[in-house]
N, C-alpha and C. Protein backbone atom coordinates (compact mmCIF):
# COMPACT_ATOMS: atom_id res chain seq x y z
N MET A 1 -4.62 28.98 -15.63
CA MET A 1 -5.36 28.39 -15.38
C MET A 1 -3.76 26.91 -15.59
N LYS A 2 -2.87 27.50 -16.32
CA LYS A 2 -1.68 26.18 -16.50
C LYS A 2 -1.18 25.43 -14.96
N LEU A 3 -1.11 26.24 -14.27
CA LEU A 3 -0.99 26.10 -12.92
C LEU A 3 -1.74 25.41 -12.23
N SER A 4 -3.01 25.30 -12.15
CA SER A 4 -4.21 24.33 -11.68
C SER A 4 -4.16 22.99 -12.51
N SER A 5 -3.64 23.27 -13.63
CA SER A 5 -3.96 22.11 -14.46
C SER A 5 -3.02 20.64 -14.28
N ALA A 6 -1.89 21.60 -13.82
CA ALA A 6 -0.64 20.87 -13.71
C ALA A 6 -0.71 20.23 -12.38
N PHE A 7 -1.26 21.22 -11.76
CA PHE A 7 -1.20 20.89 -9.88
C PHE A 7 -2.68 19.37 -10.09
N ILE A 8 -3.66 19.34 -10.77
CA ILE A 8 -4.50 18.66 -10.88
C ILE A 8 -3.77 17.33 -11.54
N ILE A 9 -3.03 17.42 -12.74
CA ILE A 9 -2.33 16.00 -13.09
C ILE A 9 -1.35 15.52 -12.39
N GLY A 10 -0.78 15.98 -11.89
CA GLY A 10 0.43 16.19 -10.56
C GLY A 10 0.02 14.79 -9.52
N PHE A 11 -1.71 14.97 -8.98
CA PHE A 11 -2.16 14.47 -7.75
C PHE A 11 -2.93 13.43 -8.48
N LEU A 12 -3.03 13.24 -9.96
CA LEU A 12 -4.64 12.41 -10.14
C LEU A 12 -3.99 10.96 -9.67
N PRO A 13 -2.50 10.40 -10.15
CA PRO A 13 -2.14 9.06 -9.95
C PRO A 13 -3.05 8.83 -8.38
N LEU A 14 -2.91 9.58 -7.40
CA LEU A 14 -3.06 9.15 -5.57
C LEU A 14 -4.27 9.63 -5.89
N ALA A 15 -5.66 10.35 -6.46
CA ALA A 15 -6.51 10.40 -6.44
C ALA A 15 -7.18 9.02 -7.06
N LEU A 16 -6.57 8.48 -7.98
CA LEU A 16 -6.84 7.14 -8.54
C LEU A 16 -6.62 5.91 -7.39
N ALA A 17 -5.64 6.15 -6.42
CA ALA A 17 -4.88 5.20 -5.68
C ALA A 17 -6.03 4.65 -4.28
N LYS A 18 -5.30 3.40 -4.60
CA LYS A 18 -6.27 2.76 -3.46
C LYS A 18 -5.44 2.23 -2.19
N SER A 19 -6.39 2.26 -1.18
CA SER A 19 -5.59 2.30 0.16
C SER A 19 -5.21 0.92 0.39
N ILE A 20 -3.89 -0.02 0.59
CA ILE A 20 -3.88 -1.42 0.53
C ILE A 20 -3.18 -1.48 2.13
N LEU A 21 -2.64 -2.92 3.13
CA LEU A 21 -2.23 -3.22 3.78
C LEU A 21 -1.23 -4.51 3.04
N VAL A 22 0.10 -3.81 3.23
CA VAL A 22 0.97 -5.41 2.93
C VAL A 22 1.63 -5.70 3.75
N THR A 23 1.35 -7.46 3.53
CA THR A 23 2.15 -7.95 5.17
C THR A 23 2.84 -9.24 4.15
N TYR A 24 3.92 -9.60 4.67
CA TYR A 24 5.17 -10.46 4.51
C TYR A 24 5.01 -11.64 5.43
N PRO A 25 5.49 -12.70 5.46
CA PRO A 25 5.69 -13.86 6.44
C PRO A 25 7.40 -13.46 7.36
N GLN A 26 6.79 -13.50 8.56
CA GLN A 26 7.96 -13.46 9.47
C GLN A 26 9.34 -13.22 8.74
N ASP A 27 9.41 -14.67 8.36
CA ASP A 27 11.18 -14.70 7.74
C ASP A 27 11.79 -13.61 6.63
N THR A 28 11.05 -12.94 6.35
CA THR A 28 10.91 -11.89 5.04
C THR A 28 11.92 -10.90 5.15
N PRO A 29 13.05 -10.75 4.93
CA PRO A 29 14.30 -10.36 4.43
C PRO A 29 13.69 -8.42 4.75
N ASP A 30 14.28 -7.49 5.57
CA ASP A 30 14.08 -6.56 5.36
C ASP A 30 13.78 -5.67 3.93
N SER A 31 15.69 -6.00 3.22
CA SER A 31 15.23 -5.91 1.92
C SER A 31 14.15 -6.21 0.95
N VAL A 32 13.92 -7.46 1.32
CA VAL A 32 12.23 -7.15 0.28
C VAL A 32 11.58 -6.42 0.29
N ILE A 33 11.19 -6.21 1.55
CA ILE A 33 10.13 -5.55 2.41
C ILE A 33 10.31 -4.12 1.88
N LYS A 34 11.94 -3.58 1.96
CA LYS A 34 12.64 -2.13 0.99
C LYS A 34 12.02 -1.67 -0.43
N ASP A 35 12.66 -2.95 -0.90
CA ASP A 35 12.02 -3.18 -2.20
C ASP A 35 10.44 -3.30 -2.97
N ALA A 36 9.72 -3.07 -1.91
CA ALA A 36 8.15 -3.26 -2.33
C ALA A 36 7.82 -1.72 -2.10
N GLN A 37 8.34 -0.87 -0.93
CA GLN A 37 8.03 -0.16 -0.93
C GLN A 37 8.79 0.74 -1.74
N ASN A 38 9.77 1.10 -2.17
CA ASN A 38 10.70 1.43 -3.42
C ASN A 38 9.75 1.58 -4.70
N SER A 39 9.01 0.31 -4.53
CA SER A 39 8.09 0.18 -6.14
C SER A 39 7.07 0.70 -6.14
N ILE A 40 6.29 0.53 -4.61
CA ILE A 40 5.18 1.43 -4.81
C ILE A 40 5.15 3.14 -4.67
N VAL A 41 6.10 3.58 -4.35
CA VAL A 41 6.75 4.84 -4.42
C VAL A 41 7.05 5.26 -6.15
N GLN A 42 7.81 4.31 -6.22
CA GLN A 42 7.86 4.70 -8.11
C GLN A 42 6.89 4.70 -9.30
N GLY A 43 6.04 4.07 -8.62
CA GLY A 43 4.52 3.60 -9.33
C GLY A 43 3.55 4.63 -9.28
N GLY A 44 3.99 5.35 -8.41
CA GLY A 44 3.12 6.66 -8.73
C GLY A 44 1.98 6.67 -6.64
N GLY A 45 2.79 5.64 -5.90
CA GLY A 45 2.01 5.69 -4.80
C GLY A 45 2.77 6.36 -3.65
N ARG A 46 2.31 6.18 -2.33
CA ARG A 46 3.03 6.49 -0.83
C ARG A 46 2.75 6.08 0.02
N ILE A 47 3.99 5.50 0.61
CA ILE A 47 3.96 4.81 2.04
C ILE A 47 2.66 5.56 2.78
N THR A 48 1.61 4.88 3.90
CA THR A 48 0.95 5.92 4.70
C THR A 48 1.67 5.32 6.48
N HIS A 49 2.05 4.20 6.38
CA HIS A 49 2.64 3.55 7.41
C HIS A 49 3.56 2.20 7.35
N GLU A 50 5.09 2.30 8.24
CA GLU A 50 5.59 0.86 8.56
C GLU A 50 4.86 0.08 9.26
N TYR A 51 5.24 -1.01 9.75
CA TYR A 51 4.77 -1.69 10.94
C TYR A 51 6.18 -2.45 11.14
N GLN A 52 6.00 -2.01 12.47
CA GLN A 52 7.29 -2.75 13.58
C GLN A 52 7.26 -4.29 14.25
N PHE A 53 5.51 -4.39 14.42
CA PHE A 53 5.33 -5.96 14.94
C PHE A 53 5.16 -6.39 14.23
N ILE A 54 4.55 -6.56 12.91
CA ILE A 54 4.38 -7.34 12.24
C ILE A 54 5.59 -6.81 10.78
N LYS A 55 5.74 -7.65 9.59
CA LYS A 55 6.40 -7.35 8.53
C LYS A 55 5.60 -6.76 7.14
N GLY A 56 5.47 -5.55 7.72
CA GLY A 56 4.85 -5.02 6.23
C GLY A 56 4.64 -3.51 6.28
N PHE A 57 3.53 -3.23 5.46
CA PHE A 57 3.18 -1.61 5.77
C PHE A 57 1.85 -1.20 5.06
N SER A 58 1.30 0.05 5.06
CA SER A 58 0.17 0.34 4.26
C SER A 58 0.91 1.08 3.61
N ALA A 59 -0.43 1.62 2.25
CA ALA A 59 0.53 2.20 1.65
C ALA A 59 -0.98 2.66 0.63
N GLU A 60 -1.24 4.29 -0.02
CA GLU A 60 -1.62 4.43 -1.06
C GLU A 60 -1.29 4.23 -2.76
N ALA A 61 -2.08 3.68 -3.22
CA ALA A 61 -1.28 3.33 -4.74
C ALA A 61 -1.74 3.09 -5.80
N PRO A 62 -2.11 2.99 -7.26
CA PRO A 62 -2.40 2.74 -8.57
C PRO A 62 -1.93 1.13 -8.34
N ASP A 63 -3.26 1.01 -9.15
CA ASP A 63 -3.78 -1.07 -9.32
C ASP A 63 -2.36 -1.48 -9.53
N ALA A 64 -1.32 -0.49 -10.92
CA ALA A 64 -0.09 -0.97 -11.46
C ALA A 64 0.73 -1.54 -10.64
N ALA A 65 0.62 -0.40 -9.99
CA ALA A 65 1.93 -0.48 -8.54
C ALA A 65 1.91 -1.77 -7.87
N ILE A 66 0.23 -1.82 -7.80
CA ILE A 66 -0.35 -2.91 -6.53
C ILE A 66 0.48 -4.07 -7.41
N GLN A 67 -0.26 -4.25 -7.85
CA GLN A 67 0.44 -5.61 -8.88
C GLN A 67 1.53 -6.01 -9.09
N SER A 68 2.49 -4.98 -9.10
CA SER A 68 3.89 -5.30 -9.55
C SER A 68 4.42 -6.13 -8.53
N LEU A 69 3.59 -5.84 -6.79
CA LEU A 69 3.91 -6.49 -6.06
C LEU A 69 4.29 -7.89 -5.73
N SER A 70 3.27 -8.53 -6.57
CA SER A 70 3.17 -10.13 -6.06
C SER A 70 4.56 -11.35 -6.94
N THR A 71 4.83 -9.99 -8.18
CA THR A 71 5.98 -10.67 -9.08
C THR A 71 7.31 -10.21 -8.37
N GLN A 72 7.82 -9.70 -7.69
CA GLN A 72 8.95 -9.03 -7.08
C GLN A 72 9.58 -10.42 -6.39
N SER A 73 9.17 -11.31 -5.51
CA SER A 73 10.00 -12.01 -4.85
C SER A 73 9.06 -13.74 -5.25
N THR A 74 9.83 -14.49 -5.38
CA THR A 74 9.48 -15.69 -6.35
C THR A 74 9.03 -16.46 -4.04
N LYS A 75 10.27 -16.14 -3.34
CA LYS A 75 10.59 -16.87 -2.26
C LYS A 75 9.43 -16.34 -1.01
N TYR A 76 9.31 -14.75 -1.20
CA TYR A 76 8.69 -14.00 -0.13
C TYR A 76 7.53 -13.40 -0.77
N LYS A 77 6.14 -14.35 -0.94
CA LYS A 77 5.18 -13.81 -1.68
C LYS A 77 3.97 -12.58 -0.29
N PRO A 78 3.79 -11.70 -0.86
CA PRO A 78 3.15 -10.52 -0.07
C PRO A 78 1.74 -10.87 -0.13
N THR A 79 0.77 -11.01 1.35
CA THR A 79 -0.40 -10.33 1.36
C THR A 79 -1.24 -9.52 0.93
N ILE A 80 -1.66 -8.97 0.26
CA ILE A 80 -2.39 -7.83 -0.07
C ILE A 80 -3.58 -7.36 0.41
N GLU A 81 -3.82 -6.46 0.65
CA GLU A 81 -5.37 -6.52 1.22
C GLU A 81 -5.86 -5.32 1.00
N GLY A 82 -7.36 -5.07 1.04
CA GLY A 82 -7.40 -3.54 0.86
C GLY A 82 -7.47 -2.88 2.54
N ASP A 83 -6.87 -1.36 2.89
CA ASP A 83 -7.05 -1.29 4.26
C ASP A 83 -8.36 -0.93 4.57
N GLN A 84 -8.79 -1.28 5.81
CA GLN A 84 -9.88 -1.49 6.37
C GLN A 84 -9.93 -0.78 7.94
N VAL A 85 -10.95 -0.60 8.23
CA VAL A 85 -11.14 -0.62 9.77
C VAL A 85 -11.81 -2.34 10.26
N VAL A 86 -11.25 -2.52 11.41
CA VAL A 86 -11.60 -3.76 11.86
C VAL A 86 -11.72 -3.55 13.05
N SER A 87 -12.85 -4.21 13.96
CA SER A 87 -13.65 -4.75 14.81
C SER A 87 -13.15 -5.91 15.64
N THR A 88 -13.76 -5.84 16.62
CA THR A 88 -13.50 -6.72 17.66
C THR A 88 -14.83 -6.97 18.43
N TYR A 89 -15.22 -8.12 18.76
CA TYR A 89 -16.47 -8.74 19.43
C TYR A 89 -17.78 -8.13 18.89
N GLY A 90 -18.17 -8.02 17.48
CA GLY A 90 -18.98 -7.26 17.11
C GLY A 90 -19.27 -5.94 17.28
N ASP A 91 -18.22 -5.40 17.29
CA ASP A 91 -18.66 -3.72 17.70
C ASP A 91 -19.26 -2.95 17.22
N LYS A 92 -20.82 -2.66 17.32
CA LYS A 92 -21.31 -2.17 16.34
C LYS A 92 -21.25 -0.33 15.94
N ASP A 93 -20.64 0.58 16.76
CA ASP A 93 -20.00 1.42 16.85
C ASP A 93 -19.24 1.98 15.87
N CYS A 94 -18.37 1.14 15.32
CA CYS A 94 -17.82 1.36 14.52
C CYS A 94 -18.06 0.88 12.71
N LYS A 95 -17.51 1.88 12.05
CA LYS A 95 -18.27 1.37 10.47
C LYS A 95 -16.99 1.20 9.77
N SER A 96 -17.29 0.48 8.96
CA SER A 96 -16.27 0.30 7.58
C SER A 96 -16.27 1.25 6.79
N SER A 97 -15.31 1.00 6.01
CA SER A 97 -15.22 2.38 4.80
C SER A 97 -15.21 1.66 3.28
């Protein structure tokens, strides 16, 4: 039973995690984005995708890790929003989560 308790405790932060999309202004240096990703991971989250076309990434992270992103850079402020399904032209077959 000790093994299962350790297993559950180890994955608890991700169980409480929110799925988010983090984007930055186009002139943001890559180092700022890497610092933000490291902050998410150190805060108990994980990076689920790194975007190439836009400056940003998606992640699953606890609230504390998400809130820390807002205070990391005064010059390059991230836009943080819940990750969700987006449809165009009123696609009624697409369900949001």
